[in-house]
C-alpha atoms as a PDB file:
ATOM      1  CA  MET A   1       0.000   0.000   0.000  1.00  0.00           C
ATOM      2  CA  SER A   2       2.025   2.908  -1.357  1.00  0.00           C
ATOM      3  CA  GLY A   3       5.112   1.377   0.194  1.00  0.00           C
ATOM      4  CA  VAL A   4       3.581   1.401   3.679  1.00  0.00           C
ATOM      5  CA  SER A   5       3.698  -1.804   5.697  1.00  0.00           C
ATOM      6  CA  ALA A   6       0.887  -2.096   8.240  1.00  0.00           C
ATOM      7  CA  ARG A   7      -0.369  -4.759  10.586  1.00  0.00           C
ATOM      8  CA  VAL A   8      -4.129  -5.194  10.643  1.00  0.00           C
ATOM      9  CA  ARG A   9      -6.009  -7.315  13.156  1.00  0.00           C
ATOM     10  CA  VAL A  10      -9.526  -8.513  12.373  1.00  0.00           C
ATOM     11  CA  ARG A  11     -11.654  -9.928  15.154  1.00  0.00           C
ATOM     12  CA  SER A  12     -12.846 -13.507  14.756  1.00  0.00           C
ATOM     13  CA  GLY A  13     -16.402 -13.600  13.475  1.00  0.00           C
ATOM     14  CA  VAL A  14     -16.139 -10.629  11.131  1.00  0.00           C
ATOM     15  CA  PRO A  15     -17.551 -11.581   7.704  1.00  0.00           C
ATOM     16  CA  GLU A  16     -15.028 -12.446   5.006  1.00  0.00           C
ATOM     17  CA  ALA A  17     -16.219  -9.449   3.017  1.00  0.00           C
ATOM     18  CA  ALA A  18     -13.903  -7.326   5.169  1.00  0.00           C
ATOM     19  CA  LEU A  19     -10.896  -9.449   4.299  1.00  0.00           C
ATOM     20  CA  ARG A  20     -11.630  -9.098   0.594  1.00  0.00           C
ATOM     21  CA  VAL A  21     -11.623  -5.306   0.883  1.00  0.00           C
ATOM     22  CA  LEU A  22      -8.366  -5.323   2.836  1.00  0.00           C
ATOM     23  CA  ALA A  23      -6.714  -7.762   0.433  1.00  0.00           C
ATOM     24  CA  GLY A  24      -7.819  -5.638  -2.515  1.00  0.00           C
ATOM     25  CA  ALA A  25      -5.997  -2.713  -0.934  1.00  0.00           C
ATOM     26  CA  GLY A  26      -2.826  -4.755  -0.501  1.00  0.00           C
ATOM     27  CA  LEU A  27      -3.242  -5.355   3.225  1.00  0.00           C
ATOM     28  CA  ASP A  28      -2.776  -8.718   4.907  1.00  0.00           C
ATOM     29  CA  ALA A  29      -4.946  -9.113   7.978  1.00  0.00           C
ATOM     30  CA  ALA A  30      -4.506 -11.488  10.892  1.00  0.00           C
ATOM     31  CA  VAL A  31      -7.821 -12.951  12.044  1.00  0.00           C
ATOM     32  CA  GLY A  32      -8.299 -14.149  15.599  1.00  0.00           C
ATOM     33  CA  PRO A  33      -9.236 -13.239  19.170  1.00  0.00           C
ATOM     34  CA  LEU A  34      -9.210  -9.620  20.220  1.00  0.00           C
ATOM     35  CA  GLU A  35      -5.569  -8.535  20.382  1.00  0.00           C
ATOM     36  CA  VAL A  36      -3.911  -5.265  19.552  1.00  0.00           C
ATOM     37  CA  ALA A  37      -0.220  -5.478  20.485  1.00  0.00           C
ATOM     38  CA  GLY A  38       1.893  -4.511  17.499  1.00  0.00           C
ATOM     39  CA  CYS A  39      -1.101  -3.563  15.350  1.00  0.00           C
ATOM     40  CA  ASP A  40      -1.638  -0.430  13.296  1.00  0.00           C
ATOM     41  CA  ALA A  41      -5.346  -1.076  12.745  1.00  0.00           C
ATOM     42  CA  LEU A  42      -8.057  -3.104  14.449  1.00  0.00           C
ATOM     43  CA  LEU A  43     -11.462  -4.180  13.156  1.00  0.00           C
ATOM     44  CA  CYS A  44     -13.598  -5.057  16.173  1.00  0.00           C
ATOM     45  CA  LEU A  45     -17.154  -5.965  17.125  1.00  0.00           C
ATOM     46  CA  LEU A  46     -19.665  -4.204  19.375  1.00  0.00           C
ATOM     47  CA  THR A  47     -19.089  -6.884  22.027  1.00  0.00           C
ATOM     48  CA  ASP A  48     -15.395  -5.928  22.330  1.00  0.00           C
ATOM     49  CA  ARG A  49     -14.517  -3.532  25.136  1.00  0.00           C
ATOM     50  CA  ILE A  50     -11.925  -1.042  23.888  1.00  0.00           C
ATOM     51  CA  ASP A  51     -10.852   0.933  26.945  1.00  0.00           C
ATOM     52  CA  ALA A  52      -7.803   2.949  28.000  1.00  0.00           C
ATOM     53  CA  GLU A  53      -5.959  -0.112  29.277  1.00  0.00           C
ATOM     54  CA  PHE A  54      -6.540  -1.933  25.993  1.00  0.00           C
ATOM     55  CA  LEU A  55      -5.383   1.042  23.905  1.00  0.00           C
ATOM     56  CA  ALA A  56      -2.234   1.416  26.030  1.00  0.00           C
ATOM     57  CA  ARG A  57      -1.033  -1.950  24.746  1.00  0.00           C
ATOM     58  CA  ALA A  58      -0.666  -0.606  21.199  1.00  0.00           C
ATOM     59  CA  PRO A  59       1.065   2.771  21.096  1.00  0.00           C
ATOM     60  CA  GLN A  60       1.320   2.605  17.294  1.00  0.00           C
ATOM     61  CA  LEU A  61      -2.411   1.922  16.768  1.00  0.00           C
ATOM     62  CA  ARG A  62      -3.898   4.332  14.244  1.00  0.00           C
ATOM     63  CA  ILE A  63      -7.520   3.252  13.928  1.00  0.00           C
ATOM     64  CA  VAL A  64     -10.149   1.099  15.581  1.00  0.00           C
ATOM     65  CA  ALA A  65     -12.907   0.305  13.095  1.00  0.00           C
ATOM     66  CA  ASN A  66     -16.024  -0.743  14.992  1.00  0.00           C
ATOM     67  CA  MET A  67     -18.391  -2.987  13.016  1.00  0.00           C
ATOM     68  CA  ALA A  68     -21.449  -1.282  14.479  1.00  0.00           C
ATOM     69  CA  VAL A  69     -23.207   2.059  14.506  1.00  0.00           C
ATOM     70  CA  GLY A  70     -22.949   2.527  18.258  1.00  0.00           C
ATOM     71  CA  THR A  71     -19.589   3.134  19.916  1.00  0.00           C
ATOM     72  CA  ASP A  72     -20.588   2.645  23.556  1.00  0.00           C
ATOM     73  CA  ASN A  73     -18.096  -0.253  23.734  1.00  0.00           C
ATOM     74  CA  ILE A  74     -15.195   2.152  23.138  1.00  0.00           C
ATOM     75  CA  ASP A  75     -13.660   4.722  25.469  1.00  0.00           C
ATOM     76  CA  LEU A  76     -13.758   7.613  23.007  1.00  0.00           C
ATOM     77  CA  ALA A  77     -11.982  10.011  25.339  1.00  0.00           C
ATOM     78  CA  ALA A  78      -9.057   7.606  25.754  1.00  0.00           C
ATOM     79  CA  ALA A  79      -8.862   7.105  21.998  1.00  0.00           C
ATOM     80  CA  ARG A  80      -8.895  10.840  21.389  1.00  0.00           C
ATOM     81  CA  ALA A  81      -6.146  11.364  23.960  1.00  0.00           C
ATOM     82  CA  ARG A  82      -3.952   8.804  22.189  1.00  0.00           C
ATOM     83  CA  GLY A  83      -4.709  10.102  18.713  1.00  0.00           C
ATOM     84  CA  VAL A  84      -6.427   6.861  17.691  1.00  0.00           C
ATOM     85  CA  ALA A  85      -9.169   7.270  15.103  1.00  0.00           C
ATOM     86  CA  ILE A  86     -12.493   5.542  15.787  1.00  0.00           C
ATOM     87  CA  SER A  87     -14.939   4.725  13.012  1.00  0.00           C
ATOM     88  CA  ASN A  88     -18.359   3.093  12.818  1.00  0.00           C
ATOM     89  CA  THR A  89     -20.693   1.674  10.161  1.00  0.00           C
ATOM     90  CA  PRO A  90     -23.816   3.839   9.851  1.00  0.00           C
ATOM     91  CA  ASP A  91     -26.504   3.812   7.150  1.00  0.00           C
ATOM     92  CA  VAL A  92     -25.909   0.287   5.844  1.00  0.00           C
ATOM     93  CA  LEU A  93     -27.906  -1.344   8.668  1.00  0.00           C
ATOM     94  CA  THR A  94     -30.777   1.140   8.830  1.00  0.00           C
ATOM     95  CA  ASP A  95     -33.330  -0.876   6.865  1.00  0.00           C
ATOM     96  CA  ALA A  96     -32.470  -4.238   8.403  1.00  0.00           C
ATOM     97  CA  THR A  97     -32.782  -2.860  11.937  1.00  0.00           C
ATOM     98  CA  ALA A  98     -36.014  -1.030  11.146  1.00  0.00           C
ATOM     99  CA  ASP A  99     -37.416  -4.224   9.639  1.00  0.00           C
ATOM    100  CA  LEU A 100     -36.631  -6.141  12.821  1.00  0.00           C
ATOM    101  CA  ALA A 101     -38.102  -3.449  15.058  1.00  0.00           C
ATOM    102  CA  PHE A 102     -41.359  -3.633  13.175  1.00  0.00           C
ATOM    103  CA  ALA A 103     -41.234  -7.430  13.134  1.00  0.00           C
ATOM    104  CA  LEU A 104     -40.936  -7.428  16.940  1.00  0.00           C
ATOM    105  CA  LEU A 105     -43.817  -4.979  17.174  1.00  0.00           C
ATOM    106  CA  LEU A 106     -46.023  -7.250  15.060  1.00  0.00           C
ATOM    107  CA  ALA A 107     -44.870 -10.427  16.808  1.00  0.00           C
ATOM    108  CA  ALA A 108     -45.600  -9.013  20.259  1.00  0.00           C
ATOM    109  CA  ALA A 109     -48.935  -7.504  19.204  1.00  0.00           C
ATOM    110  CA  ARG A 110     -50.180 -10.696  17.551  1.00  0.00           C
ATOM    111  CA  ARG A 111     -48.559 -13.072  20.087  1.00  0.00           C
ATOM    112  CA  LEU A 112     -46.576 -14.948  17.470  1.00  0.00           C
ATOM    113  CA  ALA A 113     -43.955 -16.359  19.852  1.00  0.00           C
ATOM    114  CA  TRP A 114     -46.707 -17.765  22.077  1.00  0.00           C
ATOM    115  CA  ALA A 115     -48.556 -19.112  19.016  1.00  0.00           C
ATOM    116  CA  ASP A 116     -45.473 -20.916  17.740  1.00  0.00           C
ATOM    117  CA  ARG A 117     -44.858 -22.555  21.125  1.00  0.00           C
ATOM    118  CA  TYR A 118     -48.532 -23.461  21.437  1.00  0.00           C
ATOM    119  CA  VAL A 119     -48.673 -25.270  18.100  1.00  0.00           C
ATOM    120  CA  ARG A 120     -45.304 -27.010  18.506  1.00  0.00           C
ATOM    121  CA  GLY A 121     -46.307 -28.161  21.981  1.00  0.00           C
ATOM    122  CA  GLY A 122     -49.397 -29.903  20.661  1.00  0.00           C
ATOM    123  CA  GLY A 123     -51.870 -27.528  22.226  1.00  0.00           C
ATOM    124  CA  PHE A 124     -53.720 -26.601  19.039  1.00  0.00           C
ATOM    125  CA  ASP A 125     -56.897 -28.656  18.811  1.00  0.00           C
ATOM    126  CA  GLY A 126     -58.953 -26.379  16.576  1.00  0.00           C
ATOM    127  CA  TRP A 127     -60.056 -22.796  16.046  1.00  0.00           C
ATOM    128  CA  ARG A 128     -62.083 -20.932  18.634  1.00  0.00           C
ATOM    129  CA  PRO A 129     -62.986 -17.237  18.978  1.00  0.00           C
ATOM    130  CA  ASP A 130     -60.865 -16.523  22.044  1.00  0.00           C
ATOM    131  CA  LEU A 131     -57.710 -18.365  20.975  1.00  0.00           C
ATOM    132  CA  GLY A 132     -54.571 -16.258  20.870  1.00  0.00           C
ATOM    133  CA  VAL A 133     -56.276 -12.898  20.570  1.00  0.00           C
ATOM    134  CA  GLY A 134     -53.840  -9.991  20.424  1.00  0.00           C
ATOM    135  CA  LEU A 135     -53.719  -6.284  19.642  1.00  0.00           C
ATOM    136  CA  ASP A 136     -54.549  -4.354  16.497  1.00  0.00           C
ATOM    137  CA  VAL A 137     -51.642  -2.580  14.819  1.00  0.00           C
ATOM    138  CA  THR A 138     -53.245  -0.867  11.833  1.00  0.00           C
ATOM    139  CA  GLY A 139     -54.460   2.619  12.664  1.00  0.00           C
ATOM    140  CA  ARG A 140     -52.893   2.706  16.128  1.00  0.00           C
ATOM    141  CA  THR A 141     -50.367   5.215  17.479  1.00  0.00           C
ATOM    142  CA  LEU A 142     -46.635   4.515  17.381  1.00  0.00           C
ATOM    143  CA  GLY A 143     -44.293   6.568  19.545  1.00  0.00           C
ATOM    144  CA  ILE A 144     -40.681   6.606  18.350  1.00  0.00           C
ATOM    145  CA  VAL A 145     -38.021   7.628  20.876  1.00  0.00           C
ATOM    146  CA  GLY A 146     -34.982   8.779  18.899  1.00  0.00           C
ATOM    147  CA  TYR A 147     -35.682  10.055  15.404  1.00  0.00           C
ATOM    148  CA  GLY A 148     -32.468   9.428  13.516  1.00  0.00           C
ATOM    149  CA  ARG A 149     -31.978   7.174  10.519  1.00  0.00           C
ATOM    150  CA  ILE A 150     -33.462   4.047  12.078  1.00  0.00           C
ATOM    151  CA  GLY A 151     -36.290   5.838  13.869  1.00  0.00           C
ATOM    152  CA  ARG A 152     -37.359   7.493  10.615  1.00  0.00           C
ATOM    153  CA  ALA A 153     -37.170   4.173   8.778  1.00  0.00           C
ATOM    154  CA  VAL A 154     -39.474   2.604  11.373  1.00  0.00           C
ATOM    155  CA  ALA A 155     -41.869   5.522  10.869  1.00  0.00           C
ATOM    156  CA  GLU A 156     -41.945   4.779   7.123  1.00  0.00           C
ATOM    157  CA  ARG A 157     -42.972   1.194   7.832  1.00  0.00           C
ATOM    158  CA  ALA A 158     -45.613   2.303  10.331  1.00  0.00           C
ATOM    159  CA  ARG A 159     -47.266   4.603   7.811  1.00  0.00           C
ATOM    160  CA  GLY A 160     -47.863   1.556   5.607  1.00  0.00           C
ATOM    161  CA  PHE A 161     -50.074   0.328   8.455  1.00  0.00           C
ATOM    162  CA  ARG A 162     -51.862   3.699   8.576  1.00  0.00           C
ATOM    163  CA  MET A 163     -50.453   4.324  12.044  1.00  0.00           C
ATOM    164  CA  GLU A 164     -50.253   7.758  13.599  1.00  0.00           C
ATOM    165  CA  VAL A 165     -46.559   8.378  14.252  1.00  0.00           C
ATOM    166  CA  ILE A 166     -45.332  10.668  17.006  1.00  0.00           C
ATOM    167  CA  TRP A 167     -41.702  11.035  18.010  1.00  0.00           C
ATOM    168  CA  HIS A 168     -39.389  12.383  20.662  1.00  0.00           C
ATOM    169  CA  ALA A 169     -35.750  13.398  20.238  1.00  0.00           C
ATOM    170  CA  ARG A 170     -33.319  15.919  21.645  1.00  0.00           C
ATOM    171  CA  GLY A 171     -33.939  18.147  18.645  1.00  0.00           C
ATOM    172  CA  GLY A 172     -37.721  18.200  18.715  1.00  0.00           C
ATOM    173  CA  GLY A 173     -40.883  16.170  18.581  1.00  0.00           C
ATOM    174  CA  VAL A 174     -43.261  15.803  21.510  1.00  0.00           C
ATOM    175  CA  PRO A 175     -42.164  15.576  25.163  1.00  0.00           C
ATOM    176  CA  LEU A 176     -41.314  12.036  26.250  1.00  0.00           C
ATOM    177  CA  ASP A 177     -44.077  11.949  28.870  1.00  0.00           C
ATOM    178  CA  GLU A 178     -46.648  12.936  26.259  1.00  0.00           C
ATOM    179  CA  LEU A 179     -45.393  10.296  23.843  1.00  0.00           C
ATOM    180  CA  LEU A 180     -45.578   7.574  26.486  1.00  0.00           C
ATOM    181  CA  GLY A 181     -49.097   8.538  27.480  1.00  0.00           C
ATOM    182  CA  ARG A 182     -50.444   8.672  23.913  1.00  0.00           C
ATOM    183  CA  SER A 183     -48.768   5.690  22.263  1.00  0.00           C
ATOM    184  CA  ASP A 184     -50.093   2.185  21.763  1.00  0.00           C
ATOM    185  CA  PHE A 185     -46.573   1.092  20.798  1.00  0.00           C
ATOM    186  CA  VAL A 186     -43.263   2.655  21.869  1.00  0.00           C
ATOM    187  CA  SER A 187     -40.102   1.881  19.878  1.00  0.00           C
ATOM    188  CA  LEU A 188     -36.647   2.922  21.140  1.00  0.00           C
ATOM    189  CA  HIS A 189     -33.943   4.179  18.769  1.00  0.00           C
ATOM    190  CA  VAL A 190     -31.556   6.323  20.814  1.00  0.00           C
ATOM    191  CA  PRO A 191     -27.825   5.691  21.261  1.00  0.00           C
ATOM    192  CA  LEU A 192     -26.612   4.572  24.676  1.00  0.00           C
ATOM    193  CA  SER A 193     -25.033   7.367  26.710  1.00  0.00           C
ATOM    194  CA  SER A 194     -25.052   8.602  30.287  1.00  0.00           C
ATOM    195  CA  ASP A 195     -28.178  10.586  29.382  1.00  0.00           C
ATOM    196  CA  THR A 196     -30.091   7.632  27.925  1.00  0.00           C
ATOM    197  CA  ARG A 197     -29.113   4.882  30.386  1.00  0.00           C
ATOM    198  CA  HIS A 198     -32.385   3.809  32.045  1.00  0.00           C
ATOM    199  CA  LEU A 199     -34.236   6.398  29.978  1.00  0.00           C
ATOM    200  CA  ILE A 200     -37.176   4.006  30.363  1.00  0.00           C
ATOM    201  CA  GLY A 201     -37.532   3.137  34.025  1.00  0.00           C
ATOM    202  CA  GLU A 202     -40.350   2.642  36.511  1.00  0.00           C
ATOM    203  CA  ARG A 203     -41.653   6.188  36.166  1.00  0.00           C
ATOM    204  CA  GLU A 204     -41.772   6.015  32.379  1.00  0.00           C
ATOM    205  CA  LEU A 205     -43.299   2.529  32.288  1.00  0.00           C
ATOM    206  CA  ARG A 206     -46.068   3.673  34.639  1.00  0.00           C
ATOM    207  CA  ARG A 207     -46.868   6.514  32.232  1.00  0.00           C
ATOM    208  CA  MET A 208     -47.482   4.077  29.370  1.00  0.00           C
ATOM    209  CA  ARG A 209     -50.967   2.800  28.598  1.00  0.00           C
ATOM    210  CA  PRO A 210     -51.982  -0.599  30.072  1.00  0.00           C
ATOM    211  CA  HIS A 211     -52.436  -2.089  26.587  1.00  0.00           C
ATOM    212  CA  ALA A 212     -49.177  -0.602  25.226  1.00  0.00           C
ATOM    213  CA  LEU A 213     -46.144  -2.536  23.981  1.00  0.00           C
ATOM    214  CA  LEU A 214     -42.467  -1.555  24.271  1.00  0.00           C
ATOM    215  CA  VAL A 215     -39.955  -2.409  21.515  1.00  0.00           C
ATOM    216  CA  ASN A 216     -36.194  -2.052  21.999  1.00  0.00           C
ATOM    217  CA  THR A 217     -33.708  -2.653  19.180  1.00  0.00           C
ATOM    218  CA  ALA A 218     -31.278   0.066  20.325  1.00  0.00           C
ATOM    219  CA  ARG A 219     -29.216  -0.824  23.410  1.00  0.00           C
ATOM    220  CA  GLY A 220     -30.289  -2.868  26.409  1.00  0.00           C
ATOM    221  CA  PRO A 221     -29.316  -0.469  29.218  1.00  0.00           C
ATOM    222  CA  ILE A 222     -31.687   2.181  27.833  1.00  0.00           C
ATOM    223  CA  VAL A 223     -34.377   0.197  29.672  1.00  0.00           C
ATOM    224  CA  ASP A 224     -34.307  -0.601  33.378  1.00  0.00           C
ATOM    225  CA  GLU A 225     -34.910  -4.311  32.857  1.00  0.00           C
ATOM    226  CA  ALA A 226     -35.882  -5.050  36.454  1.00  0.00           C
ATOM    227  CA  ALA A 227     -38.534  -2.339  36.253  1.00  0.00           C
ATOM    228  CA  LEU A 228     -39.715  -3.778  32.944  1.00  0.00           C
ATOM    229  CA  VAL A 229     -40.145  -7.244  34.455  1.00  0.00           C
ATOM    230  CA  ARG A 230     -42.223  -5.747  37.249  1.00  0.00           C
ATOM    231  CA  ALA A 231     -44.261  -3.678  34.781  1.00  0.00           C
ATOM    232  CA  LEU A 232     -45.115  -6.782  32.775  1.00  0.00           C
ATOM    233  CA  ARG A 233     -45.902  -8.906  35.815  1.00  0.00           C
ATOM    234  CA  GLU A 234     -48.152  -6.268  37.333  1.00  0.00           C
ATOM    235  CA  GLY A 235     -49.822  -5.187  34.105  1.00  0.00           C
ATOM    236  CA  TRP A 236     -48.560  -1.632  33.797  1.00  0.00           C
ATOM    237  CA  ILE A 237     -48.027  -2.451  30.103  1.00  0.00           C
ATOM    238  CA  ALA A 238     -49.180  -5.370  27.967  1.00  0.00           C
ATOM    239  CA  GLY A 239     -45.982  -6.690  26.443  1.00  0.00           C
ATOM    240  CA  ALA A 240     -42.600  -6.093  24.869  1.00  0.00           C
ATOM    241  CA  GLY A 241     -40.359  -7.034  21.970  1.00  0.00           C
ATOM    242  CA  LEU A 242     -36.666  -6.985  22.856  1.00  0.00           C
ATOM    243  CA  ASP A 243     -33.610  -7.511  20.674  1.00  0.00           C
ATOM    244  CA  VAL A 244     -31.134  -6.152  23.236  1.00  0.00           C
ATOM    245  CA  PHE A 245     -30.678  -6.609  26.978  1.00  0.00           C
ATOM    246  CA  GLU A 246     -29.322  -4.636  29.888  1.00  0.00           C
ATOM    247  CA  ARG A 247     -26.545  -7.092  30.789  1.00  0.00           C
ATOM    248  CA  GLU A 248     -26.321  -8.877  27.471  1.00  0.00           C
ATOM    249  CA  PRO A 249     -26.244 -11.824  26.981  1.00  0.00           C
ATOM    250  CA  ALA A 250     -27.632 -12.387  30.502  1.00  0.00           C
ATOM    251  CA  LEU A 251     -31.318 -11.750  31.141  1.00  0.00           C
ATOM    252  CA  THR A 252     -32.794 -10.157  34.221  1.00  0.00           C
ATOM    253  CA  PRO A 253     -34.405 -12.909  36.338  1.00  0.00           C
ATOM    254  CA  GLY A 254     -38.025 -13.399  35.386  1.00  0.00           C
ATOM    255  CA  LEU A 255     -37.833 -11.865  31.924  1.00  0.00           C
ATOM    256  CA  ALA A 256     -37.670 -15.177  30.051  1.00  0.00           C
ATOM    257  CA  ASP A 257     -40.674 -16.481  32.001  1.00  0.00           C
ATOM    258  CA  LEU A 258     -43.033 -13.808  30.688  1.00  0.00           C
ATOM    259  CA  PRO A 259     -45.144 -15.117  27.795  1.00  0.00           C
ATOM    260  CA  GLN A 260     -46.083 -11.626  26.613  1.00  0.00           C
ATOM    261  CA  VAL A 261     -42.468 -10.824  25.704  1.00  0.00           C
ATOM    262  CA  VAL A 262     -40.803 -11.644  22.386  1.00  0.00           C
ATOM    263  CA  LEU A 263     -37.030 -12.057  22.767  1.00  0.00           C
ATOM    264  CA  ALA A 264     -34.363 -12.005  20.036  1.00  0.00           C
ATOM    265  CA  PRO A 265     -30.566 -12.394  20.388  1.00  0.00           C
ATOM    266  CA  HIS A 266     -29.429  -8.969  19.066  1.00  0.00           C
ATOM    267  CA  LEU A 267     -30.426  -9.593  15.453  1.00  0.00           C
ATOM    268  CA  GLY A 268     -31.066  -6.001  14.352  1.00  0.00           C
ATOM    269  CA  SER A 269     -28.591  -6.025  11.471  1.00  0.00           C
ATOM    270  CA  ALA A 270     -28.574  -9.800  11.005  1.00  0.00           C
ATOM    271  CA  THR A 271     -29.085 -10.268   7.308  1.00  0.00           C
ATOM    272  CA  THR A 272     -26.292 -11.665   5.156  1.00  0.00           C
ATOM    273  CA  ALA A 273     -26.162  -8.639   2.868  1.00  0.00           C
ATOM    274  CA  THR A 274     -26.255  -6.130   5.727  1.00  0.00           C
ATOM    275  CA  ARG A 275     -23.528  -7.794   7.758  1.00  0.00           C
ATOM    276  CA  ASP A 276     -21.343  -7.981   4.632  1.00  0.00           C
ATOM    277  CA  ARG A 277     -21.884  -4.268   3.967  1.00  0.00           C
ATOM    278  CA  MET A 278     -20.992  -3.455   7.577  1.00  0.00           C
ATOM    279  CA  ALA A 279     -17.779  -5.475   7.314  1.00  0.00           C
ATOM    280  CA  GLU A 280     -16.851  -3.846   4.004  1.00  0.00           C
ATOM    281  CA  LEU A 281     -17.462  -0.371   5.382  1.00  0.00           C
ATOM    282  CA  ALA A 282     -15.350  -1.052   8.475  1.00  0.00           C
ATOM    283  CA  ALA A 283     -12.538  -2.338   6.242  1.00  0.00           C
ATOM    284  CA  ARG A 284     -12.762   0.721   3.977  1.00  0.00           C
ATOM    285  CA  ASN A 285     -12.401   2.930   7.035  1.00  0.00           C
ATOM    286  CA  ILE A 286      -9.154   1.094   7.853  1.00  0.00           C
ATOM    287  CA  VAL A 287      -7.859   1.410   4.290  1.00  0.00           C
ATOM    288  CA  ALA A 288      -8.484   5.149   4.301  1.00  0.00           C
ATOM    289  CA  ALA A 289      -6.782   5.627   7.677  1.00  0.00           C
ATOM    290  CA  LEU A 290      -3.672   3.716   6.667  1.00  0.00           C
ATOM    291  CA  ARG A 291      -3.451   5.619   3.386  1.00  0.00           C
ATOM    292  CA  GLY A 292      -3.649   8.913   5.225  1.00  0.00           C
ATOM    293  CA  GLU A 293      -6.959   9.720   3.541  1.00  0.00           C
ATOM    294  CA  PRO A 294     -10.141  11.083   5.171  1.00  0.00           C
ATOM    295  CA  ILE A 295     -11.895   8.265   7.028  1.00  0.00           C
ATOM    296  CA  PRO A 296     -15.431   7.932   5.618  1.00  0.00           C
ATOM    297  CA  ASN A 297     -17.194   7.245   8.930  1.00  0.00           C
ATOM    298  CA  ARG A 298     -14.921   8.751  11.520  1.00  0.00           C
ATOM    299  CA  VAL A 299     -16.369   9.248  15.013  1.00  0.00           C
ATOM    300  CA  VAL A 300     -13.147  10.401  16.733  1.00  0.00           C
END
């Protein structure tokens, strides 16, 4: 690469699409467990904790390319202090994540997880009027908390169901309390920060309507999971669809026992094409950094 020799480390599990981009740029990448000693560039996953101690082990590190939109797994201040660039992979996962958010909304409203278990368990012995009744979606009100790329994409899908869409964000929309009190469905799309940790706690859950459903495809700690379990047990709200968890992959005790909750193992961007695009974008960020060019998706 223009006469520059660089060591690139790619975390195990990253799609091979990233390696093809790096190879095309003349870079050989070592693939394996998270390690940074002696590396000039690192391609990591959202489950990897990149903190000050980790960064101190690689004084020559030039970039950490995170294969995710969020960067809450990285100590940005420590990276900035060391002059290490941090990049992410926005845009390419917007539609896939919005699709999953709406799928969870529908699954929780129409009790699809319960229905699947019921049929597989041999309980289905014929149709009856009261079997598996759920909630209407069409024409209801959807409250979107966080109105960035993904939040807006969810709104587009909701309008196909003739839903009224209201939203709350730092830059506008309706107040959060108003949104919670008006919405039949609440979908979370804010990044995790000190301001949004436990944004939805006991107070907020009590403001929701008793028939309302909560959907979270953002980050687990945005919701106080213990409060959510209590809310579902005591009927403050009717159900939830969760793709992320507060202490992922662990679940708060009692959450998995609640039949009105649909649970998914952090699948927001989990389509083959989307994960490949994320990997390619992360690799292109590395290529640009090592060439001394502007990094397309630089965060720090």
